[in-house]
Protein backbone atom coordinates (compact mmCIF):
# COMPACT_ATOMS: atom_id res chain seq x y z
CA MET A 1 -61.89 97.12 108.85
CA SER A 2 -59.33 97.93 106.29
CA ASN A 3 -58.42 101.37 104.84
CA SER A 4 -56.96 99.99 101.87
CA VAL A 5 -58.79 100.20 98.47
CA LEU A 6 -57.97 96.42 97.93
CA THR A 7 -58.74 93.38 100.42
CA ASP A 8 -56.28 90.68 101.08
CA SER A 9 -57.67 88.47 98.45
CA GLU A 10 -57.41 91.22 95.56
CA LEU A 11 -53.94 92.12 96.50
CA ILE A 12 -52.57 88.77 96.82
CA GLU A 13 -54.52 87.70 93.08
CA LEU A 14 -52.89 91.17 91.54
CA TRP A 15 -49.61 89.80 92.94
CA LEU A 16 -49.76 86.35 91.74
CA HIS A 17 -50.86 87.80 87.92
CA GLY A 18 -48.88 86.12 85.34
CA ARG A 19 -46.63 83.89 87.62
CA ALA A 20 -46.03 80.25 86.86
CA PRO A 21 -48.64 77.63 87.96
CA ASN A 22 -46.16 75.88 90.44
CA THR A 23 -44.98 79.50 91.78
CA VAL A 24 -48.65 80.30 92.51
CA GLU A 25 -49.50 77.44 94.43
CA SER A 26 -46.32 77.64 96.51
CA TYR A 27 -46.82 81.22 96.97
CA LYS A 28 -50.66 80.58 98.19
CA HIS A 29 -49.59 78.43 100.12
CA HIS A 30 -47.31 80.48 101.83
CA VAL A 31 -49.21 83.36 102.09
CA SER A 32 -52.31 81.41 103.66
CA CYS A 33 -49.90 79.71 106.29
CA PHE A 34 -48.84 83.26 107.18
CA LYS A 35 -52.37 84.89 107.37
CA ALA A 36 -53.41 81.94 109.55
CA SER A 37 -50.22 82.78 112.01
CA VAL A 38 -50.77 86.45 112.27
CA GLY A 39 -54.76 86.21 112.05
CA LYS A 40 -54.95 89.81 110.70
CA PRO A 41 -55.29 91.76 107.63
CA ILE A 42 -51.67 92.20 105.72
CA GLU A 43 -51.85 95.93 105.67
CA GLN A 44 -51.87 95.66 110.15
CA VAL A 45 -49.13 93.14 110.10
CA THR A 46 -45.88 94.49 112.42
CA LEU A 47 -42.38 93.50 112.20
CA LEU A 48 -42.27 91.49 115.46
CA GLU A 49 -45.29 89.68 113.94
CA LEU A 50 -43.48 88.94 110.70
CA GLN A 51 -40.56 87.88 112.89
CA THR A 52 -42.41 85.75 115.26
CA TRP A 53 -43.84 83.88 111.91
CA GLN A 54 -40.29 83.27 110.56
CA LEU A 55 -39.22 81.69 113.71
CA SER A 56 -42.38 79.53 113.55
CA LEU A 57 -40.64 77.87 110.63
CA GLY A 58 -37.80 76.28 112.54
CA GLY A 59 -38.74 72.88 111.56
CA MET A 60 -38.21 73.35 108.11
CA SER A 61 -34.86 73.65 106.28
CA PRO A 62 -32.89 76.74 105.82
CA GLY A 63 -33.87 76.85 102.28
CA SER A 64 -37.40 76.09 102.46
CA GLN A 65 -37.53 78.82 105.06
CA ARG A 66 -35.86 81.15 102.93
CA THR A 67 -38.21 80.17 99.80
CA ALA A 68 -41.18 80.99 102.62
CA LEU A 69 -39.79 84.30 103.83
CA ALA A 70 -39.43 85.54 100.11
CA ALA A 71 -42.71 85.02 98.99
CA ILE A 72 -44.24 86.99 101.94
CA LYS A 73 -41.31 89.89 101.39
CA SER A 74 -42.14 89.91 97.88
CA LEU A 75 -45.86 90.17 98.68
CA PHE A 76 -45.40 93.39 101.31
CA SER A 77 -43.07 94.83 98.36
CA PHE A 78 -45.54 94.57 96.02
CA GLY A 79 -48.31 95.55 98.56
CA HIS A 80 -46.54 99.00 99.29
CA GLN A 81 -45.22 99.59 95.61
CA LEU A 82 -48.66 99.40 94.89
CA GLY A 83 -49.77 101.90 97.86
CA VAL A 84 -52.04 99.64 99.62
CA LEU A 85 -49.30 99.05 102.37
CA PRO A 86 -48.45 101.88 104.05
CA PHE A 87 -44.96 100.70 104.60
CA ASN A 88 -43.08 97.64 104.19
CA VAL A 89 -42.43 95.56 106.99
CA GLY A 90 -40.45 92.81 104.85
CA LYS A 91 -37.86 94.84 103.89
CA LEU A 92 -36.53 94.56 107.48
CA ALA A 93 -37.03 90.75 107.84
CA ARG A 94 -33.33 89.10 107.11
CA PHE A 95 -33.24 85.47 105.31
CA PRO A 96 -31.67 83.01 107.32
CA LYS A 97 -28.28 81.90 106.52
CA VAL A 98 -28.05 78.78 104.05
CA ARG A 99 -25.04 76.65 103.81
CA ASP A 100 -23.55 76.53 100.29
CA CYS A 101 -23.22 73.03 99.74
CA LEU A 102 -23.14 72.55 96.02
CA SER A 103 -19.50 71.78 96.05
CA GLU A 104 -20.23 68.54 97.90
CA LYS A 105 -22.76 67.62 95.07
CA ILE A 106 -20.14 68.02 92.01
CA LEU A 107 -18.11 65.24 91.26
CA SER A 108 -14.23 65.37 90.12
CA VAL A 109 -12.98 64.74 87.34
CA GLU A 110 -11.24 61.41 88.72
CA GLN A 111 -14.81 60.34 89.70
CA VAL A 112 -16.20 60.80 86.36
CA LYS A 113 -13.36 58.70 84.99
CA GLY A 114 -14.04 56.43 87.25
CA MET A 115 -17.62 56.02 86.48
CA LEU A 116 -17.04 56.17 82.94
CA SER A 117 -14.33 53.03 83.17
CA LEU A 118 -16.54 50.98 84.82
CA GLU A 119 -19.45 51.34 82.15
CA THR A 120 -19.31 48.45 79.90
CA ASN A 121 -22.56 48.73 77.82
CA PRO A 122 -22.06 51.74 74.80
CA ARG A 123 -25.46 53.43 75.10
CA ASN A 124 -25.16 54.02 79.09
CA ARG A 125 -21.61 55.30 78.59
CA GLY A 126 -22.63 57.54 75.87
CA ILE A 127 -25.27 59.05 77.79
CA LEU A 128 -23.07 59.55 80.90
CA LEU A 129 -20.87 61.15 78.48
CA ILE A 130 -23.62 63.70 76.89
CA ILE A 131 -24.52 64.34 80.79
CA TYR A 132 -21.07 65.17 81.73
CA GLY A 133 -20.12 66.59 78.35
CA CYS A 134 -23.21 69.10 78.29
CA GLY A 135 -23.26 69.42 82.20
CA LEU A 136 -26.55 68.36 82.38
CA ARG A 137 -28.95 67.16 85.04
CA VAL A 138 -30.08 63.48 84.93
CA SER A 139 -33.78 65.10 84.60
CA GLU A 140 -33.02 67.37 81.84
CA LEU A 141 -31.78 64.34 79.88
CA CYS A 142 -35.11 62.86 80.38
CA ALA A 143 -37.21 65.10 80.18
CA PRO A 144 -37.57 65.69 76.41
CA VAL A 145 -37.22 62.27 75.96
CA VAL A 146 -40.54 61.39 77.93
CA GLU A 147 -42.34 64.55 76.46
CA ALA A 148 -41.25 63.52 72.95
CA PHE A 149 -42.15 59.77 72.68
CA ASN A 150 -45.34 58.85 71.63
CA ALA A 151 -46.09 55.35 73.33
CA GLU A 152 -49.06 54.90 71.81
CA GLY A 153 -47.88 54.90 68.37
CA GLY A 154 -44.27 54.10 69.05
CA GLU A 155 -42.56 56.87 67.76
CA TRP A 156 -40.84 60.34 68.21
CA ALA A 157 -42.96 63.52 67.85
CA ASN A 158 -41.12 66.63 66.77
CA VAL A 159 -41.44 68.76 69.70
CA GLY A 160 -38.64 71.12 68.64
CA VAL A 161 -36.20 69.45 71.66
CA TRP A 162 -34.06 67.20 69.36
């Protein structure tokens, strides 16, 4: 039986309180997988068990492994700061190396000029100029449009994005 004042479920609910719904869903998934792997209360988990679980994530991309480990490390830190966990085993776990590939996704000025020169439709050319000039992702350009347009009434709503 656990010596802590809180159960694992209560600790997890306190830790998740106030987080964004997507974060809560993601963190609950990672904690559920972690707890199933170690098969014991969080306060009894050793560093070796945490590292063994981390090794079991080998089929995931390094970025996904990092996200899963970050969630568990955060839970251990929170529990330790709260005084529920006697020590923070997550503090000693190391993140996997993630290769920085952002530069591979960025178009050169020449590539952008080439793309713009090939676009003959003024509307599409304007969209490309907005995306490039503002440094937007395509999703950032499209999201306000989808949310602001009332398809039934065929009109734009005032949602504060324009």
